[in-house]
Amino acid sequence: MVDAIETNACLHEVRAGIDGVLVLLEQQSVRSEACFSALCLLEMVKAKLDALMAAGPLAG
């Protein structure tokens, strides 16, 4: 069984990584339609991750 504390720590690391990529994509999206598309997609993924993290480990 996966430890809830370890899972939560991993999710926070993933979220921090996504935030870093979003900053880079936002800078490049001004010049690139592909970067803008990737930015939009990753923002949706981050929103879903945030919602899942907010729901907590007992949601399901």
C-alpha atoms as a PDB file:
ATOM      1  CA  MET A   1       0.000   0.000   0.000  1.00  0.00           C
ATOM      2  CA  VAL A   2       1.226   3.481  -0.838  1.00  0.00           C
ATOM      3  CA  ASP A   3       1.803   5.779   2.121  1.00  0.00           C
ATOM      4  CA  ALA A   4      -0.544   8.807   2.068  1.00  0.00           C
ATOM      5  CA  ILE A   5       2.123  11.183   3.375  1.00  0.00           C
ATOM      6  CA  GLU A   6       4.606  10.071   0.731  1.00  0.00           C
ATOM      7  CA  THR A   7       1.966  10.378  -1.975  1.00  0.00           C
ATOM      8  CA  ASN A   8       1.046  13.871  -0.818  1.00  0.00           C
ATOM      9  CA  ALA A   9       4.715  14.922  -0.861  1.00  0.00           C
ATOM     10  CA  CYS A  10       5.100  13.554  -4.399  1.00  0.00           C
ATOM     11  CA  LEU A  11       2.001  15.410  -5.573  1.00  0.00           C
ATOM     12  CA  HIS A  12       3.377  18.656  -4.160  1.00  0.00           C
ATOM     13  CA  GLU A  13       6.653  18.052  -6.021  1.00  0.00           C
ATOM     14  CA  VAL A  14       4.754  17.427  -9.260  1.00  0.00           C
ATOM     15  CA  ARG A  15       2.707  20.577  -8.679  1.00  0.00           C
ATOM     16  CA  ALA A  16       5.871  22.629  -8.133  1.00  0.00           C
ATOM     17  CA  GLY A  17       7.318  21.234 -11.352  1.00  0.00           C
ATOM     18  CA  ILE A  18       4.154  22.118 -13.241  1.00  0.00           C
ATOM     19  CA  ASP A  19       4.338  25.664 -11.877  1.00  0.00           C
ATOM     20  CA  GLY A  20       7.874  26.006 -13.240  1.00  0.00           C
ATOM     21  CA  VAL A  21       6.882  24.740 -16.667  1.00  0.00           C
ATOM     22  CA  LEU A  22       3.871  27.067 -16.698  1.00  0.00           C
ATOM     23  CA  VAL A  23       6.150  30.070 -16.134  1.00  0.00           C
ATOM     24  CA  LEU A  24       8.318  29.072 -19.084  1.00  0.00           C
ATOM     25  CA  LEU A  25       5.331  28.360 -21.324  1.00  0.00           C
ATOM     26  CA  GLU A  26       3.745  31.685 -20.423  1.00  0.00           C
ATOM     27  CA  GLN A  27       6.907  33.510 -21.484  1.00  0.00           C
ATOM     28  CA  GLN A  28       7.114  31.619 -24.786  1.00  0.00           C
ATOM     29  CA  SER A  29       3.391  31.628 -25.579  1.00  0.00           C
ATOM     30  CA  VAL A  30       3.630  35.229 -26.737  1.00  0.00           C
ATOM     31  CA  ARG A  31       5.738  34.075 -29.703  1.00  0.00           C
ATOM     32  CA  SER A  32       4.479  30.549 -30.255  1.00  0.00           C
ATOM     33  CA  GLU A  33       0.970  29.239 -30.804  1.00  0.00           C
ATOM     34  CA  ALA A  34       2.176  25.740 -29.878  1.00  0.00           C
ATOM     35  CA  CYS A  35       3.461  27.033 -26.536  1.00  0.00           C
ATOM     36  CA  PHE A  36       0.154  28.796 -25.935  1.00  0.00           C
ATOM     37  CA  SER A  37      -1.715  25.545 -26.607  1.00  0.00           C
ATOM     38  CA  ALA A  38       0.585  23.644 -24.256  1.00  0.00           C
ATOM     39  CA  LEU A  39       0.098  26.367 -21.632  1.00  0.00           C
ATOM     40  CA  CYS A  40      -3.685  26.026 -21.831  1.00  0.00           C
ATOM     41  CA  LEU A  41      -3.534  22.251 -21.575  1.00  0.00           C
ATOM     42  CA  LEU A  42      -1.111  22.240 -18.645  1.00  0.00           C
ATOM     43  CA  GLU A  43      -3.215  24.838 -16.810  1.00  0.00           C
ATOM     44  CA  MET A  44      -6.201  22.481 -17.085  1.00  0.00           C
ATOM     45  CA  VAL A  45      -4.099  19.565 -15.800  1.00  0.00           C
ATOM     46  CA  LYS A  46      -2.879  21.675 -12.871  1.00  0.00           C
ATOM     47  CA  ALA A  47      -6.443  22.737 -12.039  1.00  0.00           C
ATOM     48  CA  LYS A  48      -7.515  19.089 -11.937  1.00  0.00           C
ATOM     49  CA  LEU A  49      -4.515  18.155  -9.776  1.00  0.00           C
ATOM     50  CA  ASP A  50      -5.290  21.038  -7.410  1.00  0.00           C
ATOM     51  CA  ALA A  51      -8.910  19.881  -7.124  1.00  0.00           C
ATOM     52  CA  LEU A  52      -7.854  16.304  -6.406  1.00  0.00           C
ATOM     53  CA  MET A  53      -5.355  17.429  -3.789  1.00  0.00           C
ATOM     54  CA  ALA A  54      -7.961  19.668  -2.143  1.00  0.00           C
ATOM     55  CA  ALA A  55     -10.429  16.775  -2.012  1.00  0.00           C
ATOM     56  CA  GLY A  56      -8.035  14.856   0.188  1.00  0.00           C
ATOM     57  CA  PRO A  57      -7.115  11.185   0.438  1.00  0.00           C
ATOM     58  CA  LEU A  58     -10.611   9.994   1.402  1.00  0.00           C
ATOM     59  CA  ALA A  59     -12.327  11.323  -1.705  1.00  0.00           C
ATOM     60  CA  GLY A  60     -13.325   8.784  -4.230  1.00  0.00           C
END
